[in-house]
Every structure is written in C-alpha cells, then in structure tokens.
Amino acid sequence: MAARDNVSAPERVYRELRQAILQGSIAPGERLTTQALAERLGVSRTPIRAALVRLEADGLIDNEGGRSARVRPMTVDEVEHAYDVAMGLEGVAVFRLAQTADDRQKDLLLETVDAMGTAAEQGDRAAWVQADERFHELLAEMAGNPLLKQVMQRVETIIGRLRFLSLHVNPAGATTSAREHRAVVDAIRAADAETARHQHHDHWDRVREANVSFLREGFSGSAGYLLSTPPVRGVEGGIRTSDR
C-alpha cells in the first residue's frame, strides 16, 4: 500500500486501489462501492469518486454511475497487444539510449537491474516487482519522448496486472528476467545500440509467449481469475469490497 505521509487523500486512495488491482487482491469483476471503500479507507466519498474516475481513465475499472464500479477483466488480445506495443516502443528507447545515455542514466539503470537480481536471489517478489516497474519507468523517462512515455504508461497498466501472477506461476522467471534486463543495460553501457534492441526484443518475446500461453490454457484457475469475474467478497490482506 502507498505511504500515507505527505500524500493527499485523493492521491492516497488512488494509489492504494490501483496497487490492489494490479496485485490482484481486488479481483477482476469485483464491485467497488463508494460507501464500502470510504468506510474501509477512512475517508469521505469525495476522494473515492475522484480515484474511481482516474482508475477508469487507466482502463482498470468500468464506472457504474458514480456510486460504484467494477474491476475490468482482461482479455488475451489486450495482453498480446500490450506486449507488442511495449516491445516496439521500448525497443526504440533502448536503441536511442545506447547512443545517448550519460553516465548518470547508465548508473541508474545498472542500480535498478542490480536490485532486480538481488530480489530474485532472495525470493523477495515485492522488491522484484518494484525494481522491474522502476526499470521500465526509467526507460520511458530517459527516452525524452513525451508521446512514448504517455503510451507506455497505458501499456504498463495492462502488463502490471500480470507481474505478480507470472511470479506465482513461475517464480524462477524473476531470475531469468533480471538476467535479461542486465544484458540490455550492459549493451546500453557499451553503446551497442543494435545489441541493446536485440536483447530487449528477445526478453519481451519470451515473456509475451510465456504469459499469453498460460493465460490461454487457464493455468490452474489463475488465468480464469484474471480474465473472468467471480466477485470476491473479501480479500485477505487487501481491501474489502463486498456489496453493501
């Protein structure tokens, strides 16, 4: 959950709900009511409504008249499209960074993949997800292309919903991804633009194939949980969102 210090109520509510949806502790198809959320989070309905508007713009929920909403399920097509866009746009970003990145940018990327590797070794999934998210944020920021950054923020919302699920399905994937990210950064640091783009493409191609495959197969019910919608009345460790 987001830190509460020095964060406004609308921003805190938005961050907490977004994180809960991305982590799957609020299930696809689950109904979110302003009354229940206000009681749970200890705020008025006004910041709840503001957060729901933002979450709808993110493509995470479907608003139902202002007083309630439902978490949007994902489709396999949507996931495939997101990976295709990420592969293309970030491929451009790493190619350009290999040509233009300064020492500070290279150090930031290296620190981030180091954090990914350490988290993978320690089995710290939360830290790994945080470092992975940071890596892709840095690529979007360092690209210096506002349109690329805007599109990638939307794509990241879709891909972000798969991070925790993919680690549950294949915990060893954290180590593999950390190694692949490091190969991209090594190429950027060596100013080898073609290798950076090639390594990046291979990483996204592998991840896309692995995740889309288990979604299509309905892996042990996990894909069904992500893609279809039996509402969960209360989620352990998450935000209770039962219809009230």
Protein backbone atom coordinates (compact mmCIF):
# COMPACT_ATOMS: atom_id res chain seq x y z
CA MET A 1 0.00 0.00 0.00
CA ALA A 2 1.16 3.54 -0.67
CA ALA A 3 2.80 5.54 2.07
CA ARG A 4 0.36 7.93 3.68
CA ASP A 5 2.78 10.65 4.77
CA ASN A 6 2.55 13.91 2.80
CA VAL A 7 0.06 12.45 0.34
CA SER A 8 -3.40 13.93 -0.20
CA ALA A 9 -6.43 11.75 0.45
CA PRO A 10 -7.46 11.52 -3.23
CA GLU A 11 -3.92 10.57 -4.25
CA ARG A 12 -3.56 8.02 -1.45
CA VAL A 13 -6.89 6.38 -2.28
CA TYR A 14 -6.00 6.23 -5.96
CA ARG A 15 -2.60 4.65 -5.28
CA GLU A 16 -3.96 2.09 -2.86
CA LEU A 17 -6.79 0.99 -5.12
CA ARG A 18 -4.55 0.90 -8.18
CA GLN A 19 -1.95 -1.19 -6.38
CA ALA A 20 -4.58 -3.59 -5.05
CA ILE A 21 -5.97 -4.11 -8.57
CA LEU A 22 -2.53 -4.57 -10.12
CA GLN A 23 -1.57 -7.11 -7.45
CA GLY A 24 -4.84 -8.96 -7.85
CA SER A 25 -6.01 -8.50 -4.26
CA ILE A 26 -9.09 -6.87 -5.76
CA ALA A 27 -10.40 -9.35 -8.30
CA PRO A 28 -11.48 -8.68 -11.88
CA GLY A 29 -15.23 -8.28 -11.95
CA GLU A 30 -15.42 -7.27 -8.31
CA ARG A 31 -17.81 -4.46 -7.49
CA LEU A 32 -16.40 -1.39 -5.77
CA THR A 33 -18.90 0.81 -3.95
CA THR A 34 -18.07 4.29 -2.75
CA GLN A 35 -19.69 3.60 0.63
CA ALA A 36 -17.73 0.41 1.31
CA LEU A 37 -14.44 1.92 0.16
CA ALA A 38 -14.98 5.09 2.18
CA GLU A 39 -15.57 3.03 5.31
CA ARG A 40 -12.60 0.79 4.67
CA LEU A 41 -10.12 3.56 3.86
CA GLY A 42 -11.39 6.05 6.43
CA VAL A 43 -12.15 8.87 4.01
CA SER A 44 -15.20 10.58 2.64
CA ARG A 45 -16.79 9.54 -0.63
CA THR A 46 -15.32 12.53 -2.48
CA PRO A 47 -11.74 11.18 -2.79
CA ILE A 48 -13.17 7.75 -3.56
CA ARG A 49 -15.11 9.15 -6.52
CA ALA A 50 -12.03 11.05 -7.72
CA ALA A 51 -9.95 7.88 -7.53
CA LEU A 52 -12.55 5.88 -9.46
CA VAL A 53 -12.51 8.46 -12.26
CA ARG A 54 -8.74 8.10 -12.54
CA LEU A 55 -8.88 4.31 -12.42
CA GLU A 56 -11.44 4.33 -15.22
CA ALA A 57 -9.12 6.52 -17.29
CA ASP A 58 -6.36 3.98 -16.60
CA GLY A 59 -8.58 1.26 -18.04
CA LEU A 60 -8.73 -0.65 -14.75
CA ILE A 61 -12.42 -0.26 -13.91
CA ASP A 62 -15.78 0.37 -15.51
CA ASN A 63 -17.69 3.08 -13.67
CA GLU A 64 -21.33 2.39 -12.86
CA GLY A 65 -22.91 5.77 -12.41
CA GLY A 66 -20.55 7.33 -9.89
CA ARG A 67 -21.52 5.31 -6.80
CA SER A 68 -19.94 2.03 -7.79
CA ALA A 69 -17.65 0.45 -10.35
CA ARG A 70 -16.37 -2.96 -11.39
CA VAL A 71 -12.80 -4.00 -11.96
CA ARG A 72 -12.32 -4.71 -15.64
CA PRO A 73 -11.32 -8.23 -16.63
CA MET A 74 -8.52 -8.57 -19.13
CA THR A 75 -8.60 -10.30 -22.50
CA VAL A 76 -5.84 -12.31 -24.11
CA ASP A 77 -5.97 -9.98 -27.11
CA GLU A 78 -5.47 -6.96 -24.86
CA VAL A 79 -2.43 -8.58 -23.24
CA GLU A 80 -0.92 -9.54 -26.60
CA HIS A 81 -1.42 -6.02 -27.93
CA ALA A 82 0.21 -4.51 -24.83
CA TYR A 83 3.29 -6.71 -25.20
CA ASP A 84 3.54 -5.86 -28.91
CA VAL A 85 3.47 -2.13 -28.16
CA ALA A 86 5.98 -2.49 -25.30
CA MET A 87 8.31 -4.50 -27.50
CA GLY A 88 8.23 -1.87 -30.24
CA LEU A 89 8.34 1.35 -28.25
CA GLU A 90 10.83 0.24 -25.62
CA GLY A 91 12.94 -1.23 -28.41
CA VAL A 92 13.23 2.29 -29.80
CA ALA A 93 14.00 3.62 -26.32
CA VAL A 94 16.88 1.23 -25.59
CA PHE A 95 18.31 1.76 -29.09
CA ARG A 96 18.36 5.53 -28.55
CA LEU A 97 19.70 5.24 -25.00
CA ALA A 98 22.63 3.16 -26.19
CA GLN A 99 23.53 6.12 -28.39
CA THR A 100 22.81 8.98 -25.99
CA ALA A 101 22.75 7.84 -22.33
CA ASP A 102 25.03 9.73 -19.99
CA ASP A 103 26.89 8.21 -17.04
CA ARG A 104 24.16 9.09 -14.54
CA GLN A 105 21.47 7.40 -16.64
CA LYS A 106 23.62 4.31 -17.11
CA ASP A 107 24.27 4.15 -13.36
CA LEU A 108 20.54 4.39 -12.58
CA LEU A 109 19.74 1.57 -14.97
CA LEU A 110 22.52 -0.56 -13.53
CA GLU A 111 21.37 0.07 -9.95
CA THR A 112 17.86 -0.98 -10.92
CA VAL A 113 18.86 -4.28 -12.54
CA ASP A 114 21.17 -4.95 -9.58
CA ALA A 115 18.12 -4.54 -7.33
CA MET A 116 16.15 -6.93 -9.54
CA GLY A 117 18.91 -9.53 -9.33
CA THR A 118 19.20 -9.24 -5.55
CA ALA A 119 15.43 -9.50 -5.09
CA ALA A 120 15.31 -12.58 -7.33
CA GLU A 121 18.11 -14.26 -5.35
CA GLN A 122 16.34 -13.54 -2.07
CA GLY A 123 12.92 -14.57 -3.33
CA ASP A 124 11.55 -11.11 -2.49
CA ARG A 125 8.73 -10.81 -5.01
CA ALA A 126 7.55 -7.38 -3.88
CA ALA A 127 11.06 -5.92 -4.21
CA TRP A 128 11.49 -7.57 -7.60
CA VAL A 129 8.24 -6.13 -8.90
CA GLN A 130 9.18 -2.69 -7.61
CA ALA A 131 12.57 -2.84 -9.34
CA ASP A 132 11.05 -4.15 -12.57
CA GLU A 133 8.49 -1.36 -12.59
CA ARG A 134 11.26 1.16 -11.93
CA PHE A 135 13.34 -0.16 -14.82
CA HIS A 136 10.53 0.37 -17.31
CA GLU A 137 9.71 3.78 -15.84
CA LEU A 138 13.32 4.81 -16.37
CA LEU A 139 13.26 3.72 -20.00
CA ALA A 140 10.16 5.83 -20.62
CA GLU A 141 11.59 8.83 -18.79
CA MET A 142 15.04 8.65 -20.35
CA ALA A 143 13.67 8.29 -23.87
CA GLY A 144 12.86 12.01 -23.79
CA ASN A 145 9.76 11.41 -25.89
CA PRO A 146 6.56 12.58 -24.15
CA LEU A 147 4.29 10.62 -26.51
CA LEU A 148 6.24 7.40 -25.95
CA LYS A 149 6.04 7.94 -22.20
CA GLN A 150 2.29 8.56 -22.35
CA VAL A 151 1.59 5.43 -24.38
CA MET A 152 3.87 3.30 -22.21
CA GLN A 153 2.04 4.42 -19.06
CA ARG A 154 -1.16 2.98 -20.53
CA VAL A 155 0.57 -0.20 -21.64
CA GLU A 156 2.22 -0.59 -18.24
CA THR A 157 -1.21 -0.67 -16.62
CA ILE A 158 -2.02 -3.84 -18.55
CA ILE A 159 1.34 -5.52 -18.15
CA GLY A 160 1.49 -4.56 -14.47
CA ARG A 161 -1.51 -6.79 -13.75
CA LEU A 162 0.50 -9.81 -14.87
CA ARG A 163 3.65 -9.28 -12.80
CA PHE A 164 2.53 -10.88 -9.54
CA LEU A 165 0.57 -13.59 -11.35
CA SER A 166 3.54 -14.55 -13.52
CA LEU A 167 5.79 -14.81 -10.46
CA HIS A 168 3.22 -17.08 -8.82
CA VAL A 169 3.12 -19.29 -11.89
CA ASN A 170 6.89 -19.29 -12.47
CA PRO A 171 8.98 -17.97 -9.55
CA ALA A 172 12.19 -18.76 -11.43
CA GLY A 173 11.14 -16.21 -14.03
CA ALA A 174 12.36 -13.44 -11.74
CA THR A 175 15.95 -14.63 -12.08
CA THR A 176 15.63 -15.06 -15.85
CA SER A 177 14.14 -11.59 -16.29
CA ALA A 178 16.79 -9.99 -14.08
CA ARG A 179 19.49 -11.59 -16.23
CA GLU A 180 17.82 -10.42 -19.44
CA HIS A 181 17.40 -6.88 -18.15
CA ARG A 182 21.08 -6.80 -17.22
CA ALA A 183 22.02 -7.86 -20.76
CA VAL A 184 20.06 -4.88 -22.12
CA VAL A 185 21.76 -2.49 -19.69
CA ASP A 186 25.20 -3.93 -20.45
CA ALA A 187 24.61 -3.22 -24.14
CA ILE A 188 23.43 0.32 -23.38
CA ARG A 189 26.51 0.93 -21.25
CA ALA A 190 28.68 -0.38 -24.08
CA ALA A 191 26.94 1.96 -26.55
CA ASP A 192 25.92 -1.07 -28.62
CA ALA A 193 22.52 0.03 -29.88
CA GLU A 194 21.76 -2.98 -32.06
CA THR A 195 22.58 -5.48 -29.32
CA ALA A 196 20.52 -3.50 -26.81
CA ARG A 197 17.50 -3.61 -29.09
CA HIS A 198 18.05 -7.29 -29.90
CA GLN A 199 18.36 -8.29 -26.23
CA HIS A 200 15.30 -6.24 -25.35
CA HIS A 201 13.25 -7.80 -28.15
CA ASP A 202 14.23 -11.31 -27.09
CA HIS A 203 13.22 -10.58 -23.48
CA TRP A 204 9.78 -9.26 -24.37
CA ASP A 205 9.25 -12.04 -26.91
CA ARG A 206 9.95 -14.70 -24.26
CA VAL A 207 7.77 -13.04 -21.62
CA ARG A 208 4.93 -12.48 -24.08
CA GLU A 209 4.96 -16.10 -25.21
CA ALA A 210 5.12 -17.49 -21.67
CA ASN A 211 2.38 -15.31 -20.21
CA VAL A 212 -0.01 -15.48 -23.14
CA SER A 213 0.38 -19.27 -23.23
CA PHE A 214 -0.66 -19.82 -19.63
CA LEU A 215 -3.49 -17.31 -19.98
CA ARG A 216 -4.85 -19.23 -22.96
CA GLU A 217 -4.51 -22.53 -21.13
CA GLY A 218 -6.22 -21.25 -17.98
CA PHE A 219 -3.34 -22.22 -15.72
CA SER A 220 -4.74 -23.89 -12.58
CA GLY A 221 -7.55 -21.37 -12.45
CA SER A 222 -5.17 -18.41 -12.26
CA ALA A 223 -5.95 -17.24 -15.76
CA GLY A 224 -9.64 -17.62 -15.10
CA TYR A 225 -9.24 -15.43 -12.05
CA LEU A 226 -7.55 -12.79 -14.15
CA LEU A 227 -9.73 -12.97 -17.22
CA SER A 228 -13.15 -13.83 -15.82
CA THR A 229 -15.04 -12.48 -12.92
CA PRO A 230 -16.35 -14.36 -9.87
CA PRO A 231 -16.60 -11.45 -7.39
CA VAL A 232 -14.62 -11.89 -4.21
CA ARG A 233 -16.50 -10.72 -1.13
CA GLY A 234 -13.42 -10.08 0.98
CA VAL A 235 -9.77 -10.41 0.10
CA GLU A 236 -7.18 -11.44 2.66
CA GLY A 237 -4.60 -8.71 3.03
CA GLY A 238 -6.46 -6.44 0.64
CA ILE A 239 -9.39 -4.06 0.64
CA ARG A 240 -12.83 -5.49 1.41
CA THR A 241 -15.17 -4.55 -1.37
CA SER A 242 -18.32 -6.54 -0.68
CA ASP A 243 -21.57 -5.11 -1.98
CA ARG A 244 -23.19 -3.13 0.78
